N, C-alpha and C. Protein backbone atom coordinates (compact mmCIF):
# COMPACT_ATOMS: atom_id res chain seq x y z
N MET A 1 156.12 -53.47 -151.94
CA MET A 1 155.63 -55.01 -151.17
C MET A 1 154.29 -54.56 -152.33
N LYS A 2 153.41 -56.13 -152.41
CA LYS A 2 152.57 -56.67 -152.96
C LYS A 2 150.82 -56.66 -152.09
N PHE A 3 149.67 -56.67 -151.82
CA PHE A 3 148.76 -56.89 -151.13
C PHE A 3 147.61 -57.39 -152.14
N PHE A 4 147.19 -58.64 -152.26
CA PHE A 4 145.71 -58.92 -152.97
C PHE A 4 144.69 -59.59 -151.52
N GLN A 5 144.19 -59.16 -152.09
CA GLN A 5 142.70 -59.96 -151.03
C GLN A 5 141.43 -60.68 -152.11
N LYS A 6 140.80 -60.89 -152.01
CA LYS A 6 139.71 -61.81 -152.40
C LYS A 6 139.08 -62.83 -151.37
N GLU A 7 137.97 -62.50 -151.56
CA GLU A 7 136.76 -63.86 -150.65
C GLU A 7 136.49 -64.29 -151.93
N ILE A 8 136.43 -66.14 -151.36
CA ILE A 8 136.11 -67.12 -152.08
C ILE A 8 135.00 -67.96 -151.77
N ILE A 9 133.53 -68.19 -153.05
CA ILE A 9 132.74 -69.50 -152.01
C ILE A 9 133.13 -70.92 -152.86
N LEU A 10 133.54 -72.26 -151.06
CA LEU A 10 133.41 -72.82 -152.03
C LEU A 10 132.43 -73.68 -152.02
N PRO A 11 132.23 -74.43 -152.91
CA PRO A 11 131.01 -75.66 -153.19
C PRO A 11 130.38 -75.76 -152.12
N ARG A 12 129.39 -76.31 -151.88
CA ARG A 12 128.48 -78.17 -150.86
C ARG A 12 129.78 -78.96 -150.90
N PHE A 13 130.27 -79.01 -149.52
CA PHE A 13 130.89 -80.55 -148.96
C PHE A 13 130.73 -81.49 -148.38
N ARG A 14 129.70 -82.49 -148.52
CA ARG A 14 129.60 -83.37 -147.31
C ARG A 14 130.19 -83.38 -145.97
N ARG A 15 129.60 -83.86 -144.55
CA ARG A 15 130.81 -84.41 -143.60
C ARG A 15 131.90 -84.48 -144.20
N GLY A 16 132.75 -84.30 -143.21
CA GLY A 16 134.22 -84.90 -143.84
C GLY A 16 135.17 -83.61 -144.09
N PHE A 17 137.06 -84.22 -144.35
CA PHE A 17 137.74 -83.79 -144.89
C PHE A 17 137.86 -83.67 -146.04
N HIS A 18 137.86 -82.45 -146.55
CA HIS A 18 138.20 -82.71 -148.68
C HIS A 18 139.39 -81.27 -148.75
N LEU A 19 139.92 -81.93 -149.51
CA LEU A 19 140.84 -81.36 -150.25
C LEU A 19 140.64 -79.52 -151.17
N VAL A 20 140.79 -78.65 -150.97
CA VAL A 20 140.33 -77.78 -151.65
C VAL A 20 141.79 -76.42 -152.00
N THR A 21 142.94 -77.46 -151.58
CA THR A 21 144.16 -76.87 -151.84
C THR A 21 144.19 -76.47 -153.80
N ASP A 22 143.16 -77.25 -154.97
CA ASP A 22 143.61 -76.64 -156.14
C ASP A 22 142.34 -75.92 -156.38
N HIS A 23 141.18 -75.97 -156.14
CA HIS A 23 140.48 -74.60 -155.83
C HIS A 23 140.56 -72.97 -155.18
N ILE A 24 141.50 -73.07 -154.19
CA ILE A 24 142.26 -72.31 -153.60
C ILE A 24 142.63 -71.48 -154.78
N VAL A 25 143.83 -72.09 -154.68
CA VAL A 25 144.70 -72.02 -155.64
C VAL A 25 144.50 -71.35 -157.28
N GLY A 26 143.31 -72.22 -157.72
CA GLY A 26 142.60 -71.70 -159.16
C GLY A 26 141.88 -70.31 -158.78
N GLU A 27 140.88 -70.08 -157.78
CA GLU A 27 140.55 -68.88 -157.66
C GLU A 27 141.51 -67.93 -157.15
N PHE A 28 142.77 -67.74 -156.86
CA PHE A 28 143.43 -66.65 -156.44
C PHE A 28 144.43 -66.41 -157.17
N ILE A 29 144.25 -66.28 -158.81
CA ILE A 29 145.54 -66.44 -159.53
C ILE A 29 146.88 -64.87 -159.14
N GLU A 30 146.36 -64.10 -159.17
CA GLU A 30 146.67 -63.38 -158.09
C GLU A 30 148.28 -63.26 -157.49
N MET A 31 147.82 -64.33 -156.86
CA MET A 31 148.65 -64.98 -155.83
C MET A 31 150.34 -65.32 -156.61
N LYS A 32 150.37 -65.62 -158.09
CA LYS A 32 151.23 -65.89 -158.47
C LYS A 32 152.45 -64.31 -158.80
N GLN A 33 151.52 -63.35 -158.88
CA GLN A 33 152.64 -62.10 -158.87
C GLN A 33 153.58 -62.04 -158.00
N ILE A 34 153.17 -62.78 -156.36
CA ILE A 34 154.31 -62.74 -155.28
C ILE A 34 155.06 -63.66 -155.14
N GLU A 35 156.62 -62.80 -155.33
CA GLU A 35 158.41 -63.85 -155.63
C GLU A 35 158.32 -64.31 -154.33
N MET A 36 157.66 -64.00 -153.54
CA MET A 36 158.13 -64.39 -151.40
C MET A 36 157.43 -63.48 -150.45
N GLY A 37 156.46 -64.23 -150.02
CA GLY A 37 155.18 -63.47 -149.28
C GLY A 37 154.42 -64.90 -148.37
N ILE A 38 153.87 -64.43 -148.34
CA ILE A 38 152.23 -65.38 -147.54
C ILE A 38 150.97 -65.14 -147.89
N LEU A 39 150.14 -66.17 -147.13
CA LEU A 39 148.64 -66.35 -148.18
C LEU A 39 148.39 -66.81 -146.63
N HIS A 40 147.66 -66.23 -146.04
CA HIS A 40 146.87 -65.77 -145.24
C HIS A 40 145.08 -66.50 -145.71
N ILE A 41 144.66 -67.21 -144.96
CA ILE A 41 143.48 -67.55 -145.35
C ILE A 41 142.53 -68.29 -144.07
N LEU A 42 141.29 -67.18 -144.27
CA LEU A 42 140.02 -67.08 -143.03
C LEU A 42 138.73 -67.71 -143.65
N ILE A 43 138.51 -69.04 -143.35
CA ILE A 43 137.16 -69.48 -143.27
C ILE A 43 135.83 -68.30 -142.80
N LYS A 44 134.94 -67.75 -142.86
CA LYS A 44 134.21 -67.00 -142.06
C LYS A 44 132.75 -67.93 -141.57
N HIS A 45 133.35 -69.22 -140.59
CA HIS A 45 131.91 -69.93 -140.61
C HIS A 45 132.67 -70.62 -138.66
N THR A 46 131.69 -71.39 -138.03
CA THR A 46 131.76 -71.16 -136.92
C THR A 46 131.62 -73.17 -136.60
N SER A 47 131.32 -73.94 -137.73
CA SER A 47 130.76 -75.12 -137.73
C SER A 47 131.66 -75.46 -138.40
N ALA A 48 132.83 -75.14 -139.63
CA ALA A 48 133.57 -75.69 -140.58
C ALA A 48 135.42 -74.86 -140.02
N GLY A 49 136.17 -75.84 -140.71
CA GLY A 49 138.13 -75.65 -140.10
C GLY A 49 138.48 -75.72 -141.28
N LEU A 50 139.94 -75.01 -141.08
CA LEU A 50 140.43 -75.54 -142.57
C LEU A 50 142.00 -75.86 -141.88
N SER A 51 142.69 -76.78 -142.51
CA SER A 51 143.87 -77.60 -141.87
C SER A 51 144.40 -77.74 -143.08
N ILE A 52 146.06 -78.05 -142.97
CA ILE A 52 147.28 -78.64 -144.09
C ILE A 52 147.48 -80.30 -143.22
N ASN A 53 147.26 -80.86 -144.34
CA ASN A 53 147.41 -82.36 -143.87
C ASN A 53 147.51 -83.00 -145.32
N GLU A 54 148.00 -84.38 -145.14
CA GLU A 54 147.73 -85.55 -145.98
C GLU A 54 147.57 -85.26 -147.45
N ASN A 55 147.37 -85.47 -148.67
CA ASN A 55 147.43 -85.05 -149.91
C ASN A 55 147.27 -85.95 -151.16
N ALA A 56 147.93 -87.23 -150.13
CA ALA A 56 147.94 -88.43 -151.36
C ALA A 56 146.67 -89.64 -151.36
N ASP A 57 146.87 -89.96 -149.18
CA ASP A 57 146.11 -90.84 -149.45
C ASP A 57 144.63 -90.24 -149.25
N PRO A 58 143.92 -91.27 -149.66
CA PRO A 58 142.40 -90.62 -149.23
C PRO A 58 141.83 -91.65 -147.89
N THR A 59 142.33 -92.40 -147.44
CA THR A 59 142.39 -93.02 -145.31
C THR A 59 142.66 -92.23 -144.81
N VAL A 60 143.62 -91.53 -145.11
CA VAL A 60 143.55 -90.24 -143.84
C VAL A 60 142.72 -89.29 -143.49
N ARG A 61 142.20 -89.51 -144.57
CA ARG A 61 140.90 -88.17 -144.60
C ARG A 61 139.88 -88.87 -143.46
N HIS A 62 139.69 -90.26 -144.35
CA HIS A 62 138.24 -90.92 -143.86
C HIS A 62 138.95 -91.43 -142.13
N ASP A 63 140.05 -91.23 -141.68
CA ASP A 63 140.22 -91.83 -140.27
C ASP A 63 140.18 -90.33 -139.72
N MET A 64 140.43 -88.84 -140.27
CA MET A 64 140.06 -88.02 -139.66
C MET A 64 138.42 -88.09 -139.24
N GLU A 65 138.23 -88.39 -140.17
CA GLU A 65 136.53 -87.91 -139.62
C GLU A 65 136.08 -89.13 -139.06
N THR A 66 136.75 -90.12 -138.61
CA THR A 66 136.43 -91.48 -137.73
C THR A 66 136.68 -90.63 -136.07
N HIS A 67 137.66 -90.66 -136.10
CA HIS A 67 138.72 -89.77 -134.96
C HIS A 67 137.77 -88.54 -134.34
N PHE A 68 137.64 -87.68 -135.09
CA PHE A 68 137.20 -86.84 -135.05
C PHE A 68 135.50 -87.17 -133.78
N ASN A 69 134.70 -87.63 -134.62
CA ASN A 69 133.48 -87.72 -134.41
C ASN A 69 132.98 -89.39 -133.41
N LYS A 70 134.37 -89.60 -132.89
CA LYS A 70 134.16 -90.32 -131.69
C LYS A 70 134.64 -89.13 -130.98
N MET A 71 135.87 -88.84 -130.93
CA MET A 71 136.40 -87.76 -129.70
C MET A 71 135.53 -86.46 -129.25
N VAL A 72 134.55 -86.06 -130.08
CA VAL A 72 133.87 -85.21 -129.98
C VAL A 72 132.42 -85.52 -130.76
N PRO A 73 130.95 -86.37 -129.56
CA PRO A 73 130.23 -86.99 -130.35
C PRO A 73 129.44 -86.12 -130.46
N GLU A 74 128.21 -86.61 -131.71
CA GLU A 74 126.49 -85.99 -130.92
C GLU A 74 126.07 -86.63 -130.00
N ASN A 75 125.29 -85.86 -129.41
CA ASN A 75 123.50 -85.97 -129.30
C ASN A 75 124.72 -86.53 -127.45
N VAL A 76 125.41 -85.39 -126.59
CA VAL A 76 125.71 -85.38 -125.04
C VAL A 76 124.79 -85.19 -124.49
N ASP A 77 124.45 -85.09 -123.31
CA ASP A 77 123.04 -84.86 -122.77
C ASP A 77 124.18 -83.86 -122.38
N TYR A 78 124.75 -82.98 -122.18
CA TYR A 78 125.30 -81.83 -121.68
C TYR A 78 125.31 -80.89 -122.71
N PHE A 79 125.12 -80.60 -123.98
CA PHE A 79 124.86 -80.68 -124.72
C PHE A 79 124.01 -78.98 -124.13
N ARG A 80 124.19 -77.91 -124.60
CA ARG A 80 122.72 -76.64 -124.36
C ARG A 80 122.54 -76.52 -125.95
N HIS A 81 123.44 -75.77 -126.27
CA HIS A 81 123.03 -75.24 -127.92
C HIS A 81 122.69 -76.60 -128.90
N ASN A 82 121.45 -76.93 -129.00
CA ASN A 82 120.99 -77.90 -129.53
C ASN A 82 120.04 -77.60 -130.85
N TYR A 83 119.86 -76.75 -130.35
CA TYR A 83 118.27 -76.26 -131.36
C TYR A 83 118.91 -76.30 -132.87
N GLU A 84 120.07 -75.74 -133.58
CA GLU A 84 120.58 -76.02 -134.66
C GLU A 84 120.60 -77.90 -135.53
N GLY A 85 120.72 -78.55 -134.08
CA GLY A 85 120.91 -80.15 -134.54
C GLY A 85 121.66 -80.52 -134.43
N SER A 86 121.67 -82.13 -133.58
CA SER A 86 122.89 -82.52 -133.19
C SER A 86 124.12 -82.36 -133.74
N ASP A 87 124.06 -81.88 -134.74
CA ASP A 87 125.57 -82.28 -135.45
C ASP A 87 126.17 -80.69 -135.10
N ASP A 88 125.40 -79.69 -134.79
CA ASP A 88 126.52 -78.55 -134.62
C ASP A 88 127.14 -78.34 -133.69
N MET A 89 126.82 -78.30 -131.98
CA MET A 89 127.51 -77.83 -130.71
C MET A 89 129.10 -78.89 -131.32
N PRO A 90 129.29 -80.57 -131.52
CA PRO A 90 129.66 -80.76 -131.60
C PRO A 90 130.99 -80.40 -133.28
N ALA A 91 130.43 -79.61 -133.50
CA ALA A 91 130.77 -79.08 -134.88
C ALA A 91 131.87 -77.47 -134.69
N HIS A 92 130.81 -76.59 -133.80
CA HIS A 92 131.46 -75.84 -133.14
C HIS A 92 133.14 -75.97 -132.15
N ILE A 93 132.77 -77.37 -131.11
CA ILE A 93 133.99 -77.76 -130.84
C ILE A 93 135.15 -78.44 -131.88
N LYS A 94 135.33 -78.93 -132.45
CA LYS A 94 135.79 -79.60 -133.74
C LYS A 94 136.27 -78.69 -134.52
N THR A 95 135.62 -77.34 -134.76
CA THR A 95 136.35 -76.24 -135.22
C THR A 95 137.06 -75.06 -134.85
N ALA A 96 137.31 -75.77 -132.94
CA ALA A 96 137.62 -74.79 -132.48
C ALA A 96 139.16 -75.78 -132.65
N ILE A 97 139.56 -77.05 -131.60
CA ILE A 97 139.80 -77.44 -132.14
C ILE A 97 141.14 -77.49 -133.43
N VAL A 98 140.17 -77.44 -134.76
CA VAL A 98 140.84 -77.73 -135.90
C VAL A 98 141.99 -76.08 -135.84
N GLY A 99 140.54 -75.15 -135.98
CA GLY A 99 141.41 -73.79 -136.24
C GLY A 99 139.97 -72.97 -137.18
N SER A 100 140.32 -71.55 -137.78
CA SER A 100 139.95 -71.16 -138.96
C SER A 100 140.67 -70.60 -139.46
N HIS A 101 141.89 -70.74 -139.29
CA HIS A 101 142.64 -70.02 -140.46
C HIS A 101 143.70 -70.74 -140.93
N LEU A 102 144.82 -70.16 -141.60
CA LEU A 102 145.63 -70.71 -141.47
C LEU A 102 146.76 -70.28 -142.15
N SER A 103 148.50 -70.19 -142.59
CA SER A 103 149.08 -69.10 -143.03
C SER A 103 150.02 -70.10 -143.59
N ILE A 104 150.21 -69.81 -144.79
CA ILE A 104 151.25 -70.35 -145.88
C ILE A 104 152.47 -69.55 -146.64
N PRO A 105 153.44 -70.06 -146.27
CA PRO A 105 154.47 -69.77 -147.05
C PRO A 105 153.88 -69.57 -148.73
N ILE A 106 154.95 -68.23 -149.76
CA ILE A 106 154.23 -68.01 -151.05
C ILE A 106 155.74 -67.92 -150.92
N THR A 107 156.35 -68.28 -152.66
CA THR A 107 157.63 -68.25 -153.33
C THR A 107 157.56 -69.03 -154.85
N LYS A 108 158.08 -68.23 -155.27
CA LYS A 108 157.50 -67.65 -156.54
C LYS A 108 156.52 -67.91 -157.50
N GLY A 109 155.45 -67.24 -156.29
CA GLY A 109 154.29 -66.97 -156.91
C GLY A 109 153.40 -68.65 -156.26
N ARG A 110 153.94 -70.22 -155.70
CA ARG A 110 153.54 -70.77 -155.29
C ARG A 110 153.26 -70.98 -154.67
N LEU A 111 152.60 -71.24 -153.49
CA LEU A 111 152.01 -72.58 -152.31
C LEU A 111 153.42 -73.12 -152.21
N ASN A 112 154.31 -72.81 -151.03
CA ASN A 112 154.99 -73.34 -150.38
C ASN A 112 154.83 -74.68 -149.79
N LEU A 113 154.50 -75.35 -149.66
CA LEU A 113 153.60 -76.78 -148.95
C LEU A 113 154.75 -77.97 -149.17
N GLY A 114 154.75 -78.94 -148.62
CA GLY A 114 155.92 -80.28 -148.49
C GLY A 114 155.21 -80.68 -149.48
N THR A 115 155.80 -81.77 -149.89
CA THR A 115 155.01 -82.62 -151.23
C THR A 115 153.86 -83.57 -150.72
N TRP A 116 152.97 -83.71 -149.65
CA TRP A 116 152.32 -84.52 -149.23
C TRP A 116 151.81 -83.92 -148.63
N GLN A 117 151.76 -82.87 -148.37
CA GLN A 117 150.64 -81.37 -147.94
C GLN A 117 149.41 -80.57 -148.45
N GLY A 118 147.94 -80.63 -148.12
CA GLY A 118 147.41 -80.15 -149.11
C GLY A 118 146.27 -79.56 -147.86
N ILE A 119 145.64 -78.71 -148.12
CA ILE A 119 144.84 -77.60 -147.96
C ILE A 119 143.28 -78.16 -147.21
N TYR A 120 142.98 -79.03 -146.42
CA TYR A 120 141.72 -78.88 -146.05
C TYR A 120 140.24 -78.41 -146.00
N LEU A 121 139.32 -78.55 -146.28
CA LEU A 121 138.15 -78.13 -145.47
C LEU A 121 137.49 -78.88 -144.58
N CYS A 122 137.25 -78.67 -143.74
CA CYS A 122 136.68 -79.47 -142.15
C CYS A 122 136.06 -79.43 -142.58
N GLU A 123 134.56 -80.13 -143.12
CA GLU A 123 133.26 -79.56 -143.42
C GLU A 123 132.71 -80.85 -141.79
N PHE A 124 132.50 -79.38 -140.64
CA PHE A 124 131.11 -80.66 -139.79
C PHE A 124 130.77 -80.72 -139.12
N ARG A 125 129.49 -80.01 -140.03
CA ARG A 125 128.38 -79.95 -140.20
C ARG A 125 127.42 -81.29 -141.39
N ASN A 126 126.37 -81.97 -140.80
CA ASN A 126 125.80 -83.32 -141.30
C ASN A 126 125.78 -82.50 -143.62
N PHE A 127 124.89 -81.51 -142.95
CA PHE A 127 124.70 -81.41 -144.12
C PHE A 127 125.75 -79.84 -144.49
N GLY A 128 126.51 -79.40 -145.25
CA GLY A 128 127.57 -78.75 -145.34
C GLY A 128 126.50 -77.43 -145.97
N VAL A 129 127.16 -76.89 -146.06
CA VAL A 129 126.84 -75.19 -147.18
C VAL A 129 128.15 -74.78 -147.77
N ASN A 130 127.62 -73.75 -148.16
CA ASN A 130 128.98 -73.35 -149.77
C ASN A 130 129.47 -72.39 -148.47
N ARG A 131 130.94 -72.51 -148.68
CA ARG A 131 131.52 -71.93 -147.06
C ARG A 131 132.63 -71.09 -148.05
N HIS A 132 132.83 -69.39 -147.54
CA HIS A 132 133.22 -68.48 -147.65
C HIS A 132 134.44 -68.37 -146.96
N LEU A 133 135.46 -68.31 -147.82
CA LEU A 133 137.17 -67.93 -147.43
C LEU A 133 137.33 -66.71 -147.69
N VAL A 134 138.35 -66.04 -147.28
CA VAL A 134 138.95 -65.37 -147.23
C VAL A 134 140.56 -65.58 -147.79
N LEU A 135 140.88 -64.78 -149.00
CA LEU A 135 142.46 -64.84 -148.64
C LEU A 135 143.04 -64.17 -149.65
N SER A 136 144.88 -63.76 -148.50
CA SER A 136 144.97 -62.38 -148.69
C SER A 136 146.56 -62.65 -148.18
N ALA A 137 146.65 -61.70 -150.02
CA ALA A 137 148.01 -62.89 -149.88
C ALA A 137 149.10 -61.59 -149.86
N TYR A 138 150.00 -61.45 -149.74
CA TYR A 138 151.14 -60.30 -149.28
C TYR A 138 152.44 -60.69 -149.60
N GLY A 139 153.49 -60.10 -150.06
CA GLY A 139 154.83 -59.94 -150.36
C GLY A 139 155.16 -59.34 -151.47
N SER A 140 156.47 -60.47 -151.30
CA SER A 140 157.01 -58.44 -152.83
C SER A 140 157.89 -59.74 -154.04
């Protein structure tokens, strides 16, 4: 059994859904040593999430952003947590919906994703910060 772990820092992204698959794979070359296993990814933040979704058509990312903003709007009068900005509490709710971690199979040193699947950073703050990810790969 092999086990590798690395923390990486993503560049700042504006609010929205961003493909980060290539960034993760490029930063975690140790994964190539695993023939069969799992990559677990944790984002160490409460106002951004991770998802697997469409990687080809950018209109999907636009539509996701539009829907999430309608589903969880800003400036709602019953939000008490508002001292970090009107986008902060909605960001926490969106993160709870999307999630903060992923597990993806590794096969022959590569992520075993579907043809049209990619890893999204879901940035829910108006002005994103550098996001920290913990990448843990294990297998044989």
